[in-house]
Amino acid sequence: MKRFIRHRAGVMAGACCFCLVVVFAGCEQRPRETGRDTASTQAGGDAKAAAGVAEELSCDGTTKVELPADMTGQARADELLSQWRQSHPGRDWVAHAREAHALIPPADNSDVLKGDQGKDHAYGTFTETDILIWARETEKFVAEGSRIFHDADALGSTVATSCDMCHPHASNTHPETYPKYQTQMGRVVLLRDMINWCIENPVRGEKLDPDSPEMRALEAYITSQRKGVEMNYGKH
């Protein structure tokens, strides 16, 4: 059994915040990499770059995938997920995120089926399939926010800092208290404003477009982790 310690440091408002992540894992003894091995690896990487291929980690942080270097945006995200699924047949990435980051499930809307439904009902007629779709799509959205929240690279951090280093499982974020006055910005702000402040300061990245998919997913995840807490805007 070997012990690996990974140290990441983030800078916040002139102070240093240090976090240690300690992982215990059983690993087989591997031979030391030789100069020939290193040169071979470097040559392989250069060949891929010349061919217009980029290698990066998929959303689980361990599976390596190859993509066209010029592929960007949603197409790149879809291809990453597609290759992850090929490498993990039978696995559910939402379930994986739920296990890894303790996601709280969405509300059970099965009681909607018990009411009077029909042509005169305000929202029409719903089925069990509708209820499943609502829950599934909502949880997928929250899981994406969780992935970004726990990934320094996805946040664009320049100091290897992710949100969970200061807020494990979105703790101490209090989305139920927004809008409220924040002294850091000298004005009343929304949750997304505070998220961007954190991204620009302790995370040391570039702020997100307030209506971007990433920002909306982060808001969804943070809010989901406070399920059942009473709304109390303006509270400090």
Protein backbone atom coordinates (compact mmCIF):
# COMPACT_ATOMS: atom_id res chain seq x y z
CA MET A 1 0.00 0.00 0.00
CA LYS A 2 1.47 3.30 -1.01
CA ARG A 3 0.46 6.72 0.13
CA PHE A 4 0.19 9.53 -2.33
CA ILE A 5 -0.15 13.12 -1.23
CA ARG A 6 -1.13 15.76 -3.70
CA HIS A 7 -0.79 19.36 -2.65
CA ARG A 8 -2.66 22.20 -4.29
CA ALA A 9 -2.56 25.79 -3.19
CA GLY A 10 -4.94 28.63 -3.97
CA VAL A 11 -4.47 32.30 -3.23
CA MET A 12 -7.43 34.21 -1.76
CA ALA A 13 -7.53 37.92 -0.88
CA GLY A 14 -3.82 38.09 -0.14
CA ALA A 15 -3.78 34.94 1.98
CA CYS A 16 -2.74 31.40 1.09
CA CYS A 17 -5.17 28.53 1.41
CA PHE A 18 -3.56 25.11 1.45
CA CYS A 19 -5.38 21.84 0.95
CA LEU A 20 -4.01 18.31 1.06
CA VAL A 21 -5.71 15.44 -0.66
CA VAL A 22 -4.50 12.11 0.68
CA VAL A 23 -5.33 9.00 -1.27
CA PHE A 24 -4.49 5.43 -0.27
CA ALA A 25 -4.39 2.91 -3.07
CA GLY A 26 -2.91 -0.51 -3.70
CA CYS A 27 -0.48 -0.27 -6.60
CA GLU A 28 1.81 -2.78 -8.20
CA GLN A 29 5.51 -1.97 -8.35
CA ARG A 30 6.34 -0.48 -11.72
CA PRO A 31 9.81 -0.34 -13.29
CA ARG A 32 11.46 3.06 -13.40
CA GLU A 33 10.97 4.87 -16.69
CA THR A 34 14.20 4.99 -18.66
CA GLY A 35 15.49 7.73 -20.90
CA ARG A 36 14.52 5.60 -23.89
CA ASP A 37 10.94 5.30 -22.58
CA THR A 38 10.74 9.06 -22.04
CA ALA A 39 12.03 9.77 -25.53
CA SER A 40 9.54 7.31 -27.00
CA THR A 41 6.65 8.95 -25.15
CA GLN A 42 7.77 12.40 -26.29
CA ALA A 43 8.06 11.21 -29.89
CA GLY A 44 4.57 9.72 -29.74
CA GLY A 45 3.16 13.00 -28.44
CA ASP A 46 4.91 14.99 -31.17
CA ALA A 47 3.56 12.63 -33.83
CA LYS A 48 0.00 13.05 -32.56
CA ALA A 49 0.34 16.82 -32.49
CA ALA A 50 1.65 16.81 -36.05
CA ALA A 51 -1.34 14.71 -37.10
CA GLY A 52 -3.74 17.22 -35.53
CA VAL A 53 -4.69 14.95 -32.62
CA ALA A 54 -4.88 16.09 -28.99
CA GLU A 55 -4.89 13.76 -25.97
CA GLU A 56 -6.70 14.73 -22.78
CA LEU A 57 -8.55 13.30 -19.80
CA SER A 58 -12.27 12.61 -19.94
CA CYS A 59 -14.77 13.79 -17.34
CA ASP A 60 -13.77 11.09 -14.82
CA GLY A 61 -10.26 12.55 -14.58
CA THR A 62 -8.51 9.25 -15.40
CA THR A 63 -9.54 7.98 -18.85
CA LYS A 64 -7.31 9.31 -21.65
CA VAL A 65 -9.03 10.06 -24.95
CA GLU A 66 -7.85 11.35 -28.32
CA LEU A 67 -9.70 14.13 -30.13
CA PRO A 68 -9.10 16.27 -33.22
CA ALA A 69 -7.09 19.25 -32.00
CA ASP A 70 -9.47 21.70 -33.69
CA MET A 71 -12.63 20.22 -32.13
CA THR A 72 -14.20 22.71 -29.71
CA GLY A 73 -17.35 23.54 -27.79
CA GLN A 74 -20.27 21.15 -27.46
CA ALA A 75 -18.90 18.80 -30.11
CA ARG A 76 -15.77 18.29 -28.00
CA ALA A 77 -17.79 17.72 -24.82
CA ASP A 78 -20.04 15.20 -26.61
CA GLU A 79 -17.05 13.30 -27.99
CA LEU A 80 -15.37 13.15 -24.56
CA LEU A 81 -18.52 11.66 -23.04
CA SER A 82 -18.95 9.27 -25.97
CA GLN A 83 -15.43 7.88 -25.58
CA TRP A 84 -15.85 7.61 -21.80
CA ARG A 85 -18.97 5.50 -22.35
CA GLN A 86 -17.11 3.26 -24.80
CA SER A 87 -14.37 2.71 -22.22
CA HIS A 88 -16.91 2.04 -19.45
CA PRO A 89 -19.72 -0.05 -20.96
CA GLY A 90 -22.65 -0.34 -18.64
CA ARG A 91 -21.52 2.58 -16.46
CA ASP A 92 -23.71 5.64 -15.89
CA TRP A 93 -21.70 8.87 -15.66
CA VAL A 94 -24.46 10.57 -13.66
CA ALA A 95 -24.41 7.70 -11.16
CA HIS A 96 -20.61 7.98 -11.10
CA ALA A 97 -20.85 11.69 -10.25
CA ARG A 98 -23.54 10.97 -7.65
CA GLU A 99 -21.28 8.46 -5.90
CA ALA A 100 -18.17 10.63 -6.14
CA HIS A 101 -19.69 13.91 -5.00
CA ALA A 102 -22.69 12.94 -2.85
CA LEU A 103 -25.33 14.48 -5.12
CA ILE A 104 -28.72 15.04 -3.52
CA PRO A 105 -31.58 13.66 -5.67
CA PRO A 106 -34.25 16.00 -7.06
CA ALA A 107 -37.79 16.17 -5.69
CA ASP A 108 -40.17 13.25 -6.18
CA ASN A 109 -42.96 14.55 -8.41
CA SER A 110 -45.01 11.34 -8.48
CA ASP A 111 -47.80 13.09 -6.56
CA VAL A 112 -48.56 15.05 -9.75
CA LEU A 113 -50.09 11.87 -11.15
CA LYS A 114 -52.59 11.72 -8.29
CA GLY A 115 -54.39 14.96 -9.13
CA ASP A 116 -57.23 15.62 -11.55
CA GLN A 117 -55.69 15.57 -15.01
CA GLY A 118 -57.25 16.07 -18.38
CA LYS A 119 -58.10 18.69 -20.97
CA ASP A 120 -59.13 21.24 -18.33
CA HIS A 121 -55.97 20.79 -16.26
CA ALA A 122 -53.62 23.79 -16.36
CA TYR A 123 -50.64 21.65 -17.37
CA GLY A 124 -52.35 18.91 -19.32
CA THR A 125 -51.92 15.20 -18.72
CA PHE A 126 -48.67 13.73 -17.43
CA THR A 127 -47.43 10.15 -17.27
CA GLU A 128 -44.83 8.23 -15.30
CA THR A 129 -42.48 8.73 -18.25
CA ASP A 130 -42.77 12.50 -17.85
CA ILE A 131 -41.88 12.24 -14.17
CA LEU A 132 -38.82 10.12 -14.99
CA ILE A 133 -37.67 12.55 -17.69
CA TRP A 134 -37.97 15.53 -15.34
CA ALA A 135 -35.89 13.81 -12.66
CA ARG A 136 -33.31 12.43 -15.08
CA GLU A 137 -32.69 15.68 -16.96
CA THR A 138 -32.55 17.71 -13.76
CA GLU A 139 -30.05 15.34 -12.17
CA LYS A 140 -27.88 15.34 -15.31
CA PHE A 141 -27.78 19.14 -15.17
CA VAL A 142 -26.78 19.08 -11.49
CA ALA A 143 -24.16 16.38 -12.14
CA GLU A 144 -22.55 18.59 -14.79
CA GLY A 145 -22.38 21.43 -12.27
CA SER A 146 -20.76 19.06 -9.78
CA ARG A 147 -18.15 18.06 -12.36
CA ILE A 148 -17.20 21.69 -13.02
CA PHE A 149 -17.27 22.57 -9.29
CA HIS A 150 -14.71 19.83 -8.55
CA ASP A 151 -12.46 20.42 -11.59
CA ALA A 152 -9.85 23.20 -11.50
CA ASP A 153 -9.24 22.89 -15.25
CA ALA A 154 -12.95 23.14 -16.08
CA LEU A 155 -13.07 26.31 -13.99
CA GLY A 156 -10.09 27.75 -15.85
CA SER A 157 -7.97 28.00 -12.70
CA THR A 158 -4.38 29.15 -13.13
CA VAL A 159 -3.40 27.95 -9.63
CA ALA A 160 -4.88 24.41 -9.67
CA THR A 161 -7.74 25.43 -7.37
CA SER A 162 -11.29 24.10 -7.60
CA CYS A 163 -14.39 25.25 -5.72
CA ASP A 164 -14.55 22.16 -3.50
CA MET A 165 -11.17 22.97 -1.93
CA CYS A 166 -12.91 25.65 0.15
CA HIS A 167 -16.48 24.32 -0.15
CA PRO A 168 -16.59 20.49 0.06
CA HIS A 169 -19.89 19.29 -1.44
CA ALA A 170 -20.83 22.98 -1.89
CA SER A 171 -20.84 23.56 1.88
CA ASN A 172 -20.94 27.13 3.23
CA THR A 173 -22.22 28.56 -0.06
CA HIS A 174 -25.75 29.37 1.19
CA PRO A 175 -27.56 29.88 -2.14
CA GLU A 176 -30.79 30.31 -0.17
CA THR A 177 -29.54 33.68 1.14
CA TYR A 178 -29.24 35.41 -2.25
CA PRO A 179 -29.80 38.13 -3.32
CA LYS A 180 -27.86 39.91 -0.57
CA TYR A 181 -25.33 42.68 -0.03
CA GLN A 182 -21.74 41.47 -0.35
CA THR A 183 -19.00 43.67 1.05
CA GLN A 184 -16.44 42.22 -1.39
CA MET A 185 -18.32 43.86 -4.26
CA GLY A 186 -19.98 46.71 -2.41
CA ARG A 187 -23.45 45.97 -3.78
CA VAL A 188 -26.37 43.56 -3.74
CA VAL A 189 -25.49 40.46 -5.75
CA LEU A 190 -26.98 37.22 -7.01
CA LEU A 191 -25.48 33.77 -6.48
CA ARG A 192 -23.91 33.85 -9.95
CA ASP A 193 -22.14 37.11 -9.09
CA MET A 194 -20.58 35.46 -6.05
CA ILE A 195 -19.57 32.43 -8.12
CA ASN A 196 -17.76 34.71 -10.56
CA TRP A 197 -16.06 36.57 -7.70
CA CYS A 198 -14.70 33.25 -6.44
CA ILE A 199 -13.59 32.20 -9.93
CA GLU A 200 -11.69 35.47 -10.42
CA ASN A 201 -10.11 35.55 -6.94
CA PRO A 202 -9.30 32.28 -5.10
CA VAL A 203 -9.62 30.18 -8.27
CA ARG A 204 -7.71 32.79 -10.31
CA GLY A 205 -9.59 32.19 -13.54
CA GLU A 206 -11.69 34.28 -15.90
CA LYS A 207 -15.29 34.97 -14.95
CA LEU A 208 -18.04 33.11 -16.76
CA ASP A 209 -20.79 34.57 -18.89
CA PRO A 210 -23.69 34.86 -16.39
CA ASP A 211 -25.99 32.88 -18.70
CA SER A 212 -23.44 30.34 -19.93
CA PRO A 213 -24.16 26.59 -19.60
CA GLU A 214 -21.28 26.33 -17.12
CA MET A 215 -22.63 29.07 -14.84
CA ARG A 216 -26.16 27.68 -14.95
CA ALA A 217 -24.87 24.20 -14.11
CA LEU A 218 -22.81 25.52 -11.19
CA GLU A 219 -25.84 27.37 -9.82
CA ALA A 220 -27.93 24.22 -10.19
CA TYR A 221 -25.41 22.06 -8.30
CA ILE A 222 -24.86 24.55 -5.47
CA THR A 223 -28.61 25.08 -5.04
CA SER A 224 -29.33 21.34 -5.13
CA GLN A 225 -27.00 20.71 -2.20
CA ARG A 226 -29.20 22.90 0.02
CA LYS A 227 -32.39 20.97 -0.69
CA GLY A 228 -34.93 21.46 2.08
CA VAL A 229 -33.32 24.61 3.51
CA GLU A 230 -35.67 27.57 3.95
CA MET A 231 -35.20 30.53 1.61
CA ASN A 232 -34.00 33.59 3.53
CA TYR A 233 -32.66 36.20 1.13
CA GLY A 234 -30.39 38.91 2.48
CA LYS A 235 -29.16 36.83 5.43
CA HIS A 236 -25.51 36.95 6.57
